[in-house]
């Protein structure tokens, strides 16, 4: 019983990481690109790094939303199917 719960917790963390990964990765890459641009041009404007990250993350969320919803739906179905095995 305890091993099943631990495995479920690990699986939940993996799913959360998998769903957050595209947005985090795009935000990190855009931030890196803007930082390199700011370092080479010596422009130190805070909004220059904020706005492209917001736009990039918003675009990637819109593009990956069907996959995310499908993954969450499958995981939720899996969780609900496991409920009878936890009730003894």
Protein backbone atom coordinates (compact mmCIF):
# COMPACT_ATOMS: atom_id res chain seq x y z
CA UNK A 1 0.00 0.00 0.00
CA UNK A 2 2.73 2.49 0.95
CA UNK A 3 4.79 1.60 -2.11
CA UNK A 4 1.77 2.25 -4.34
CA UNK A 5 1.28 5.67 -2.78
CA UNK A 6 4.94 6.55 -3.18
CA UNK A 7 4.86 5.41 -6.80
CA UNK A 8 1.74 7.50 -7.37
CA UNK A 9 3.46 10.54 -5.85
CA UNK A 10 6.51 10.07 -8.07
CA UNK A 11 4.29 9.65 -11.11
CA UNK A 12 2.40 12.83 -10.20
CA UNK A 13 5.63 14.83 -9.90
CA UNK A 14 6.81 13.45 -13.25
CA UNK A 15 3.54 14.49 -14.89
CA UNK A 16 3.75 17.99 -13.39
CA UNK A 17 7.33 18.36 -14.63
CA UNK A 18 6.41 17.06 -18.08
CA UNK A 19 3.52 19.52 -18.38
CA UNK A 20 5.57 22.50 -17.16
CA UNK A 21 8.66 21.69 -19.22
CA UNK A 22 7.69 23.33 -22.56
CA UNK A 23 6.78 26.68 -21.00
CA UNK A 24 9.81 26.70 -18.70
CA UNK A 25 12.16 25.73 -21.50
CA UNK A 26 10.87 28.43 -23.85
CA UNK A 27 11.03 31.04 -21.10
CA UNK A 28 14.58 30.05 -20.27
CA UNK A 29 15.75 30.08 -23.91
CA UNK A 30 14.12 33.44 -24.64
CA UNK A 31 15.57 34.86 -21.43
CA UNK A 32 19.02 33.62 -22.40
CA UNK A 33 18.72 35.11 -25.88
CA UNK A 34 17.54 38.47 -24.55
CA UNK A 35 20.32 38.48 -21.94
CA UNK A 36 22.95 37.87 -24.61
CA UNK A 37 21.39 40.63 -26.73
CA UNK A 38 21.41 43.04 -23.78
CA UNK A 39 25.00 42.20 -22.94
CA UNK A 40 26.21 42.79 -26.48
CA UNK A 41 24.28 46.03 -27.01
CA UNK A 42 24.58 47.25 -23.38
CA UNK A 43 20.84 47.97 -23.24
CA UNK A 44 19.64 47.45 -19.66
CA UNK A 45 15.88 47.73 -19.95
CA UNK A 46 13.82 45.43 -17.70
CA UNK A 47 10.78 45.31 -19.99
CA UNK A 48 12.98 44.13 -22.83
CA UNK A 49 13.43 40.79 -21.10
CA UNK A 50 9.91 40.55 -19.64
CA UNK A 51 7.70 41.07 -22.70
CA UNK A 52 9.34 38.52 -25.04
CA UNK A 53 9.24 35.86 -22.31
CA UNK A 54 5.55 36.47 -21.66
CA UNK A 55 4.74 36.32 -25.37
CA UNK A 56 6.84 33.20 -25.94
CA UNK A 57 5.33 31.34 -22.99
CA UNK A 58 1.80 32.36 -24.03
CA UNK A 59 2.38 31.12 -27.58
CA UNK A 60 3.87 27.81 -26.44
CA UNK A 61 0.98 27.28 -24.00
CA UNK A 62 -1.55 27.84 -26.78
CA UNK A 63 0.31 25.45 -29.08
CA UNK A 64 0.76 22.69 -26.49
CA UNK A 65 -2.62 23.04 -24.78
CA UNK A 66 -4.29 20.09 -26.61
CA UNK A 67 -1.40 17.79 -25.68
CA UNK A 68 -1.44 19.04 -22.08
CA UNK A 69 -5.19 18.53 -21.73
CA UNK A 70 -4.94 15.06 -23.25
CA UNK A 71 -2.10 14.10 -20.90
CA UNK A 72 -3.95 15.45 -17.86
CA UNK A 73 -7.13 13.66 -18.87
CA UNK A 74 -5.30 10.34 -19.29
CA UNK A 75 -3.53 10.78 -15.96
CA UNK A 76 -6.77 11.66 -14.18
CA UNK A 77 -8.46 8.58 -15.64
CA UNK A 78 -5.53 6.49 -14.44
CA UNK A 79 -5.83 7.97 -10.94
CA UNK A 80 -9.58 7.32 -10.78
CA UNK A 81 -9.03 3.73 -11.91
CA UNK A 82 -6.54 3.26 -9.07
CA UNK A 83 -8.99 4.36 -6.35
CA UNK A 84 -10.50 0.88 -5.80
CA UNK A 85 -7.05 -0.59 -5.19
CA UNK A 86 -6.47 1.87 -2.32
CA UNK A 87 -9.77 1.08 -0.60
CA UNK A 88 -9.47 -2.10 1.47
